[in-house]
Protein backbone atom coordinates (compact mmCIF):
# COMPACT_ATOMS: atom_id res chain seq x y z
CA MET A 1 0.00 0.00 0.00
CA THR A 2 1.24 3.50 -0.89
CA ILE A 3 -0.13 6.80 0.38
CA VAL A 4 0.56 9.83 -1.78
CA GLY A 5 0.47 13.35 -0.37
CA HIS A 6 1.75 16.69 -1.61
CA LEU A 7 5.15 18.26 -1.07
CA ALA A 8 5.56 20.46 2.03
CA PRO A 9 2.60 18.61 3.59
CA ASP A 10 0.27 20.73 5.70
CA LEU A 11 -1.91 19.75 8.66
CA ASP A 12 -4.78 18.48 6.50
CA CYS A 13 -2.53 16.29 4.37
CA LEU A 14 -0.65 14.94 7.38
CA THR A 15 -3.84 14.18 9.30
CA ALA A 16 -5.28 12.31 6.32
CA ILE A 17 -2.09 10.21 6.14
CA TRP A 18 -2.23 9.57 9.89
CA LEU A 19 -5.88 8.48 9.71
CA LEU A 20 -5.13 5.95 6.98
CA MET A 21 -2.15 4.57 8.89
CA ARG A 22 -3.79 4.44 12.32
CA PHE A 23 -7.44 3.69 11.54
CA GLY A 24 -7.50 2.63 7.91
CA PRO A 25 -6.05 -0.09 5.73
CA ALA A 26 -2.55 1.35 5.40
CA LYS A 27 -0.72 0.71 8.69
CA ASP A 28 2.61 -0.05 7.01
CA ALA A 29 2.15 2.01 3.88
CA ASP A 30 4.98 3.59 1.97
CA LEU A 31 4.74 7.38 1.73
CA GLN A 32 5.29 9.29 -1.48
CA PHE A 33 4.95 13.02 -2.17
CA VAL A 34 4.20 14.90 -5.38
CA PRO A 35 3.64 18.55 -6.33
CA ALA A 36 0.21 19.68 -5.14
CA GLY A 37 -2.52 18.70 -7.57
CA ARG A 38 -0.46 15.98 -9.23
CA THR A 39 -0.65 12.21 -8.90
CA TRP A 40 1.99 9.55 -8.35
CA ARG A 41 3.83 9.04 -11.66
CA ASP A 42 0.97 10.95 -13.31
CA GLN A 43 -1.28 7.89 -13.10
CA PRO A 44 -5.07 8.43 -13.09
CA VAL A 45 -6.12 9.08 -9.51
CA ASP A 46 -7.78 6.16 -7.66
CA SER A 47 -7.04 3.81 -10.57
CA ASP A 48 -4.90 1.52 -8.42
CA PRO A 49 -6.51 0.33 -5.13
CA HIS A 50 -3.05 0.01 -3.59
CA ILE A 51 -2.22 3.72 -4.16
CA ILE A 52 -4.21 6.22 -2.10
CA HIS A 53 -3.91 9.92 -2.83
CA VAL A 54 -4.76 12.45 -0.10
CA ASP A 55 -5.14 16.22 -0.53
CA THR A 56 -3.89 16.03 -4.11
CA GLY A 57 -4.86 14.59 -7.48
CA GLY A 58 -8.56 15.39 -7.39
CA GLY A 59 -9.62 11.95 -6.19
CA ARG A 60 -11.90 10.70 -3.45
CA PHE A 61 -9.71 12.08 -0.66
CA ASP A 62 -9.05 15.49 -2.22
CA HIS A 63 -11.47 18.30 -1.35
CA HIS A 64 -10.10 20.96 -3.70
CA GLN A 65 -12.80 20.40 -6.32
CA THR A 66 -15.38 21.88 -3.92
CA SER A 67 -15.69 25.09 -1.91
CA ASP A 68 -17.55 23.35 0.92
CA PRO A 69 -15.96 24.70 4.15
CA THR A 70 -16.94 21.55 6.05
CA LEU A 71 -14.76 19.34 3.87
CA SER A 72 -11.05 18.60 3.98
CA ALA A 73 -8.91 15.66 2.94
CA ALA A 74 -8.85 14.53 6.56
CA GLU A 75 -12.64 14.76 6.83
CA LEU A 76 -13.11 12.69 3.67
CA VAL A 77 -10.75 10.03 5.03
CA ARG A 78 -12.42 10.09 8.46
CA ARG A 79 -15.83 9.46 6.93
CA ALA A 80 -14.38 6.48 5.07
CA VAL A 81 -12.37 4.79 7.83
CA ALA A 82 -13.89 5.78 11.20
CA PRO A 83 -17.18 7.67 10.80
CA ASN A 84 -18.47 6.86 14.29
CA ASP A 85 -15.43 7.84 16.37
CA GLU A 86 -16.46 11.01 18.23
CA ALA A 87 -12.94 11.91 19.33
CA LEU A 88 -11.76 11.70 15.73
CA ARG A 89 -14.70 13.79 14.59
CA ARG A 90 -13.68 16.56 16.99
CA LEU A 91 -10.04 16.39 16.02
CA VAL A 92 -10.76 16.46 12.30
CA ASP A 93 -13.30 19.26 12.71
CA GLN A 94 -10.49 21.43 14.07
CA VAL A 95 -8.19 20.37 11.24
CA THR A 96 -10.88 21.31 8.70
CA ARG A 97 -11.46 24.70 10.31
CA ILE A 98 -7.73 25.42 10.28
CA ASP A 99 -7.47 24.32 6.64
CA HIS A 100 -10.21 26.81 5.73
CA ALA A 101 -8.63 29.57 7.88
CA ASP A 102 -11.67 29.56 10.16
CA TYR A 103 -9.81 30.97 13.14
CA ARG A 104 -11.44 32.03 16.38
CA PRO A 105 -11.01 35.68 17.47
CA GLY A 106 -8.41 36.55 20.06
CA HIS A 107 -4.69 36.12 20.47
CA VAL A 108 -3.27 33.06 18.73
CA PHE A 109 -0.38 31.27 20.40
CA PHE A 110 2.04 28.83 18.78
CA ASN A 111 -0.08 26.01 17.40
CA ILE A 112 0.15 22.78 15.45
CA THR A 113 0.33 24.50 12.07
CA ASP A 114 3.36 26.45 13.31
CA LEU A 115 4.90 23.13 14.36
CA ILE A 116 4.36 21.70 10.90
CA ALA A 117 5.80 24.84 9.31
CA GLY A 118 8.88 24.37 11.49
CA TYR A 119 9.25 20.75 10.37
CA ASN A 120 8.89 21.77 6.73
CA ALA A 121 11.55 24.45 7.25
CA LEU A 122 13.89 21.91 8.86
CA TYR A 123 13.29 19.31 6.15
CA PRO A 124 12.37 21.26 2.99
CA ASN A 125 13.28 18.37 0.70
CA ARG A 126 12.30 15.50 2.99
CA PRO A 127 8.50 15.39 3.40
CA HIS A 128 8.83 11.82 4.66
CA HIS A 129 10.61 13.19 7.73
CA VAL A 130 7.80 15.68 8.29
CA ALA A 131 5.13 12.98 8.06
CA GLN A 132 6.95 10.55 10.35
CA ALA A 133 7.60 13.30 12.91
CA MET A 134 3.93 14.30 12.94
CA LEU A 135 2.47 10.80 13.42
CA ALA A 136 3.26 10.80 17.15
CA ASN A 137 1.92 14.34 17.53
CA LEU A 138 -1.38 13.32 15.98
CA ASP A 139 -1.48 10.22 18.21
CA ALA A 140 -1.16 12.54 21.20
CA TRP A 141 -3.85 14.90 19.89
CA TYR A 142 -6.25 11.99 19.41
CA GLU A 143 -5.57 10.77 22.96
CA HIS A 144 -6.34 14.29 24.18
CA GLU A 145 -9.71 14.24 22.42
CA VAL A 146 -10.53 10.79 23.88
CA ARG A 147 -9.65 12.15 27.32
CA GLN A 148 -11.88 15.19 26.77
CA LEU A 149 -14.79 12.88 26.05
CA ARG A 150 -14.16 11.07 29.34
CA PHE A 151 -14.08 14.44 31.10
CA GLU A 152 -17.47 15.33 29.65
CA GLN A 153 -18.98 11.98 30.60
CA ALA A 154 -17.70 12.31 34.18
CA PHE A 155 -18.94 15.91 34.31
CA GLN A 156 -22.50 14.67 33.91
CA HIS A 157 -22.19 13.26 37.46
CA ARG A 158 -20.70 16.44 38.93
CA LEU A 159 -21.38 17.69 42.42
CA GLU A 160 -22.38 21.37 42.56
CA PHE A 161 -21.98 23.28 45.81
CA ASP A 162 -21.87 26.81 47.20
CA THR A 163 -18.61 28.43 48.24
CA PRO A 164 -17.85 31.85 49.75
CA TRP A 165 -16.77 32.95 46.26
CA GLY A 166 -19.54 31.48 44.11
CA LEU A 167 -20.41 28.21 42.42
CA GLY A 168 -18.16 25.23 43.09
CA ILE A 169 -18.08 22.04 41.04
CA ALA A 170 -16.48 18.74 42.07
CA VAL A 171 -15.86 15.68 39.91
CA GLN A 172 -14.49 12.25 40.70
CA SER A 173 -13.32 10.22 37.71
CA ALA A 174 -10.44 8.24 36.29
CA ASP A 175 -8.84 11.41 34.92
CA GLY A 176 -9.91 13.83 37.62
CA GLY A 177 -12.05 16.06 35.44
CA SER A 178 -11.43 19.37 33.70
CA SER A 179 -11.27 22.77 35.37
CA ARG A 180 -11.75 24.39 31.96
CA LEU A 181 -15.06 22.59 31.55
CA ALA A 182 -16.17 23.54 35.07
CA PHE A 183 -15.25 27.20 34.55
CA SER A 184 -17.08 27.31 31.22
CA TYR A 185 -20.15 26.08 33.11
CA GLY A 186 -19.94 29.08 35.45
CA ALA A 187 -17.98 27.67 38.38
CA VAL A 188 -15.44 29.84 40.17
CA LEU A 189 -13.85 26.85 41.88
CA PHE A 190 -13.23 23.23 40.84
CA ALA A 191 -12.32 20.24 43.01
CA TYR A 192 -11.46 16.73 41.86
CA ARG A 193 -10.24 13.28 42.81
CA ASP A 194 -8.83 10.83 40.24
CA ARG A 195 -8.28 7.08 40.07
CA ARG A 196 -4.76 7.36 41.53
CA GLY A 197 -6.02 9.19 44.60
CA TYR A 198 -4.65 12.54 43.47
CA MET A 199 -6.80 15.44 44.67
CA GLY A 200 -6.89 19.11 43.92
CA VAL A 201 -8.75 22.39 44.11
CA THR A 202 -8.30 25.13 41.55
CA ALA A 203 -9.95 28.53 41.14
CA GLN A 204 -10.42 30.84 38.19
CA ARG A 205 -7.31 32.89 37.56
CA ARG A 206 -9.10 36.26 37.81
CA SER A 207 -11.16 35.35 40.85
CA ASN A 208 -10.68 36.60 44.40
CA VAL A 209 -10.55 33.05 45.78
CA ASP A 210 -8.04 32.52 48.60
CA LEU A 211 -7.50 28.85 49.45
CA GLN A 212 -5.26 29.58 52.42
CA PRO A 213 -8.04 28.84 54.97
CA VAL A 214 -8.83 25.56 53.19
CA TYR A 215 -5.15 24.65 53.27
CA GLU A 216 -4.87 25.39 56.99
CA THR A 217 -7.90 23.23 57.72
CA LEU A 218 -6.45 20.38 55.66
CA ARG A 219 -3.15 20.62 57.54
CA GLN A 220 -5.10 19.89 60.71
CA CYS A 221 -7.63 17.27 59.64
CA ASP A 222 -5.53 15.59 56.92
CA SER A 223 -2.10 16.26 58.35
CA GLN A 224 -0.35 13.18 56.95
CA ALA A 225 -1.20 14.06 53.36
CA ASP A 226 1.15 16.02 51.11
CA TRP A 227 -1.04 19.03 50.42
CA TYR A 228 0.63 21.88 48.53
CA LEU A 229 -0.68 25.44 48.30
CA HIS A 230 0.48 27.39 45.25
CA PRO A 231 1.80 30.92 45.96
CA SER A 232 -1.20 32.35 44.08
CA HIS A 233 -3.48 30.80 46.75
CA ARG A 234 -5.78 29.67 43.91
CA LEU A 235 -4.36 26.17 43.49
CA LEU A 236 -4.26 23.43 46.13
CA LEU A 237 -2.89 19.98 45.29
CA CYS A 238 -2.24 16.60 46.83
CA GLY A 239 -0.43 14.67 44.12
CA THR A 240 0.16 15.34 40.44
CA PRO A 241 2.03 13.44 37.69
CA LYS A 242 4.78 16.06 38.11
CA ALA A 243 5.03 15.47 41.87
CA PRO A 244 3.50 12.18 43.06
CA PRO A 245 2.69 12.36 46.77
CA ARG A 246 4.55 10.36 49.36
CA HIS A 247 1.37 10.36 51.42
CA PHE A 248 -2.05 10.41 49.79
CA SER A 249 -5.05 12.18 51.23
CA GLN A 250 -7.50 9.90 52.97
CA LEU A 251 -10.39 12.28 52.40
CA SER A 252 -13.24 11.49 50.06
CA LEU A 253 -14.20 14.10 47.50
CA GLU A 254 -17.38 14.81 49.46
CA GLU A 255 -15.33 15.46 52.61
CA LEU A 256 -13.07 17.85 50.72
CA VAL A 257 -16.13 19.69 49.40
CA GLU A 258 -17.52 20.01 52.91
CA ILE A 259 -14.26 21.58 54.11
CA ILE A 260 -14.40 24.09 51.26
CA ARG A 261 -18.05 24.93 51.99
CA ARG A 262 -17.34 25.67 55.67
CA GLN A 263 -14.78 28.40 54.94
């Protein structure tokens, strides 16, 4: 099996390649690259079932013959190889928006298209290097989207509670939940417990939340645990992947919420 993309491959082209290699019939495919719009050895596109063109050649996985802003090469491949994967749908939706320059307002930080541009600058004559380098990045992006789905499912079982500063939301799940999701829902404070026993409390960056009283209470009632209060006083942690605790908290999430509510 051979996958054919275009020279200086962009995010759409690279994602389409990744989809075919990770979810489609081309796990061990050879990669070839041609000038944009061309086909491999100028053969008629899609004439050989063992040669798949993406984002070039005008075939079934090339969207350039339409102005439909919902289509991209990656979207056409997704529909063919994994139409029911919600995490993939979300990932590819972002790829399609980027490919059509559908950017959200506001300041734009370094993003995945900048990363690809850097790879193409490093390897201007070696698109294979660019594609191979990006496969792991797309794997990681997909895992992020899968994790976001788990966050949303866990969020459906959230515990809402009042705090001195406004709405609090607590979630217990394998991944611990998402403060971003809680804040978008209107919470000023988010508490969580994950499958490893890591616990934490975080507050909106622009809020007037001060977790010092919560920390002092925890030092008394949960004194053996390795609670850490960030200097901002808006982040309180007992265990993270960066700093696994020597001593876990023995509190349940409900007990932590009750301590927060009493402040």
